[in-house]
C-alpha atoms as a PDB file:
ATOM      1  CA  MET A   1      27.726  28.971  29.005  1.00  0.00           C
ATOM      2  CA  LEU A   2      30.497  29.767  32.162  1.00  0.00           C
ATOM      3  CA  SER A   3      31.665  26.187  31.566  1.00  0.00           C
ATOM      4  CA  LEU A   4      32.880  26.471  27.951  1.00  0.00           C
ATOM      5  CA  VAL A   5      34.714  29.832  28.603  1.00  0.00           C
ATOM      6  CA  ILE A   6      36.869  28.314  30.786  1.00  0.00           C
ATOM      7  CA  VAL A   7      37.078  25.087  28.634  1.00  0.00           C
ATOM      8  CA  ALA A   8      38.232  27.080  26.321  1.00  0.00           C
ATOM      9  CA  LEU A   9      40.858  29.716  28.049  1.00  0.00           C
ATOM     10  CA  ALA A  10      41.762  26.448  30.095  1.00  0.00           C
ATOM     11  CA  THR A  11      42.839  24.389  26.404  1.00  0.00           C
ATOM     12  CA  ILE A  12      44.169  27.536  24.641  1.00  0.00           C
ATOM     13  CA  ALA A  13      46.800  27.585  27.730  1.00  0.00           C
ATOM     14  CA  SER A  14      47.500  23.749  27.610  1.00  0.00           C
ATOM     15  CA  GLY A  15      47.788  23.937  23.928  1.00  0.00           C
ATOM     16  CA  PHE A  16      50.445  26.248  24.165  1.00  0.00           C
ATOM     17  CA  ILE A  17      52.169  24.452  27.112  1.00  0.00           C
ATOM     18  CA  VAL A  18      52.396  21.678  24.848  1.00  0.00           C
ATOM     19  CA  TRP A  19      54.042  23.627  21.989  1.00  0.00           C
ATOM     20  CA  GLY A  20      56.116  24.956  24.411  1.00  0.00           C
ATOM     21  CA  THR A  21      57.263  21.378  25.818  1.00  0.00           C
ATOM     22  CA  ASP A  22      57.607  19.981  22.694  1.00  0.00           C
ATOM     23  CA  LYS A  23      61.293  19.733  21.338  1.00  0.00           C
ATOM     24  CA  HIS A  24      60.364  19.751  17.405  1.00  0.00           C
ATOM     25  CA  ARG A  25      58.259  23.066  18.132  1.00  0.00           C
ATOM     26  CA  GLY A  26      60.170  25.351  15.063  1.00  0.00           C
ATOM     27  CA  THR A  27      58.531  22.910  12.327  1.00  0.00           C
ATOM     28  CA  TYR A  28      55.352  23.975  12.956  1.00  0.00           C
ATOM     29  CA  GLY A  29      53.182  27.513  14.431  1.00  0.00           C
ATOM     30  CA  ILE A  30      52.666  28.485  17.434  1.00  0.00           C
ATOM     31  CA  THR A  31      49.108  28.513  17.301  1.00  0.00           C
ATOM     32  CA  LEU A  32      48.738  24.776  15.630  1.00  0.00           C
ATOM     33  CA  PRO A  33      48.122  23.194  19.352  1.00  0.00           C
ATOM     34  CA  ALA A  34      46.338  25.820  21.152  1.00  0.00           C
ATOM     35  CA  GLY A  35      43.858  25.551  18.134  1.00  0.00           C
ATOM     36  CA  VAL A  36      43.474  21.511  17.725  1.00  0.00           C
ATOM     37  CA  SER A  37      42.550  21.759  21.650  1.00  0.00           C
ATOM     38  CA  VAL A  38      39.870  24.575  21.628  1.00  0.00           C
ATOM     39  CA  ALA A  39      38.414  22.775  18.575  1.00  0.00           C
ATOM     40  CA  VAL A  40      38.552  19.253  20.129  1.00  0.00           C
ATOM     41  CA  ALA A  41      37.445  20.749  23.254  1.00  0.00           C
ATOM     42  CA  MET A  42      34.487  22.935  22.177  1.00  0.00           C
ATOM     43  CA  LEU A  43      33.266  19.957  20.173  1.00  0.00           C
ATOM     44  CA  SER A  44      33.154  17.584  23.040  1.00  0.00           C
ATOM     45  CA  TRP A  45      31.897  20.299  25.132  1.00  0.00           C
ATOM     46  CA  MET A  46      29.169  20.166  22.780  1.00  0.00           C
ATOM     47  CA  VAL A  47      28.338  16.417  22.448  1.00  0.00           C
ATOM     48  CA  PHE A  48      28.192  16.623  26.624  1.00  0.00           C
ATOM     49  CA  ILE A  49      25.997  19.610  26.564  1.00  0.00           C
ATOM     50  CA  GLN A  50      23.775  17.823  24.384  1.00  0.00           C
ATOM     51  CA  LEU A  51      23.692  14.500  25.805  1.00  0.00           C
ATOM     52  CA  GLY A  52      22.804  15.838  29.199  1.00  0.00           C
ATOM     53  CA  PHE A  53      25.893  15.818  30.999  1.00  0.00           C
ATOM     54  CA  GLY A  54      25.856  19.056  32.324  1.00  0.00           C
ATOM     55  CA  TYR A  55      22.317  18.735  33.858  1.00  0.00           C
ATOM     56  CA  GLN A  56      22.427  15.501  35.800  1.00  0.00           C
ATOM     57  CA  PRO A  57      23.462  14.934  39.715  1.00  0.00           C
ATOM     58  CA  GLY A  58      26.505  13.501  39.687  1.00  0.00           C
ATOM     59  CA  VAL A  59      27.715  13.886  36.250  1.00  0.00           C
ATOM     60  CA  THR A  60      28.088  17.998  36.198  1.00  0.00           C
ATOM     61  CA  TRP A  61      32.022  17.516  36.200  1.00  0.00           C
ATOM     62  CA  ILE A  62      31.475  15.983  32.563  1.00  0.00           C
ATOM     63  CA  PRO A  63      31.495  18.758  30.649  1.00  0.00           C
ATOM     64  CA  TRP A  64      34.163  20.814  32.846  1.00  0.00           C
ATOM     65  CA  VAL A  65      37.095  18.268  32.937  1.00  0.00           C
ATOM     66  CA  LEU A  66      36.444  15.726  30.323  1.00  0.00           C
ATOM     67  CA  PRO A  67      36.618  18.534  27.206  1.00  0.00           C
ATOM     68  CA  ILE A  68      39.977  19.888  29.027  1.00  0.00           C
ATOM     69  CA  ILE A  69      41.247  16.839  28.814  1.00  0.00           C
ATOM     70  CA  LEU A  70      40.644  15.517  25.536  1.00  0.00           C
ATOM     71  CA  GLY A  71      41.465  18.781  23.913  1.00  0.00           C
ATOM     72  CA  THR A  72      44.891  18.758  25.946  1.00  0.00           C
ATOM     73  CA  VAL A  73      45.935  14.550  24.727  1.00  0.00           C
ATOM     74  CA  ALA A  74      44.564  16.091  20.893  1.00  0.00           C
ATOM     75  CA  ALA A  75      46.835  18.901  21.212  1.00  0.00           C
ATOM     76  CA  ALA A  76      49.704  16.490  22.121  1.00  0.00           C
ATOM     77  CA  VAL A  77      49.118  13.604  19.910  1.00  0.00           C
ATOM     78  CA  VAL A  78      48.983  16.391  16.784  1.00  0.00           C
ATOM     79  CA  SER A  79      52.404  17.542  18.083  1.00  0.00           C
ATOM     80  CA  PHE A  80      53.950  14.673  18.260  1.00  0.00           C
ATOM     81  CA  PHE A  81      53.141  13.297  14.371  1.00  0.00           C
ATOM     82  CA  LEU A  82      53.407  16.737  12.930  1.00  0.00           C
ATOM     83  CA  GLY A  83      56.518  17.468  14.628  1.00  0.00           C
ATOM     84  CA  ARG A  84      58.522  14.663  13.999  1.00  0.00           C
ATOM     85  CA  HIS A  85      57.055  14.060  10.293  1.00  0.00           C
ATOM     86  CA  ARG A  86      57.919  18.050   9.345  1.00  0.00           C
ATOM     87  CA  ALA A  87      61.520  17.482  11.206  1.00  0.00           C
ATOM     88  CA  ARG A  88      62.265  14.780   9.085  1.00  0.00           C
ATOM     89  CA  HIS A  89      60.769  15.978   5.891  1.00  0.00           C
ATOM     90  CA  ASN A  90      63.067  19.066   6.723  1.00  0.00           C
ATOM     91  CA  THR A  91      65.752  17.523   6.803  1.00  0.00           C
ATOM     92  CA  ALA A  92      65.256  15.659   3.676  1.00  0.00           C
ATOM     93  CA  GLN A  93      64.688  18.770   2.032  1.00  0.00           C
ATOM     94  CA  LEU A  94      67.967  20.314   3.829  1.00  0.00           C
ATOM     95  CA  THR A  95      69.780  17.276   2.768  1.00  0.00           C
ATOM     96  CA  ALA A  96      68.781  17.255  -0.911  1.00  0.00           C
ATOM     97  CA  ALA A  97      69.152  20.673  -1.171  1.00  0.00           C
ATOM     98  CA  LEU A  98      72.574  20.444  -0.503  1.00  0.00           C
ATOM     99  CA  ARG A  99      73.794  17.787  -2.653  1.00  0.00           C
ATOM    100  CA  LEU A 100      72.772  20.176  -5.612  1.00  0.00           C
END
C-alpha cells in the first residue's frame, strides 16, 4: 500500500510539472494533467499488482516505477494534444467573433 501512496504523490507532482511546462496551459485547467496522470498510474499499479509483479524477486520495482512513468507520459500526451486543439479552437472562435 505504501507503493500506491508514493505512486499517487509522484504522479500528482509530475502532472503539475507537465502543466507548468506546457505553453498552452491557459486553454485547460491545472488539474487535468494531474488527474490524467493519477488515473493512469493507479490503474496500471492495480494491474501490475494483480499480475503479481509486486511480490516476485527481481521485478518488485515494476509497481513502483512503471506507473509513475506511464502516468507522466499520459499527462504529457493529453496536454500536448488537448492544449493545441483548444488553442486552435479558441483562436478560430475569437477570429469569428471579431469578424462580426
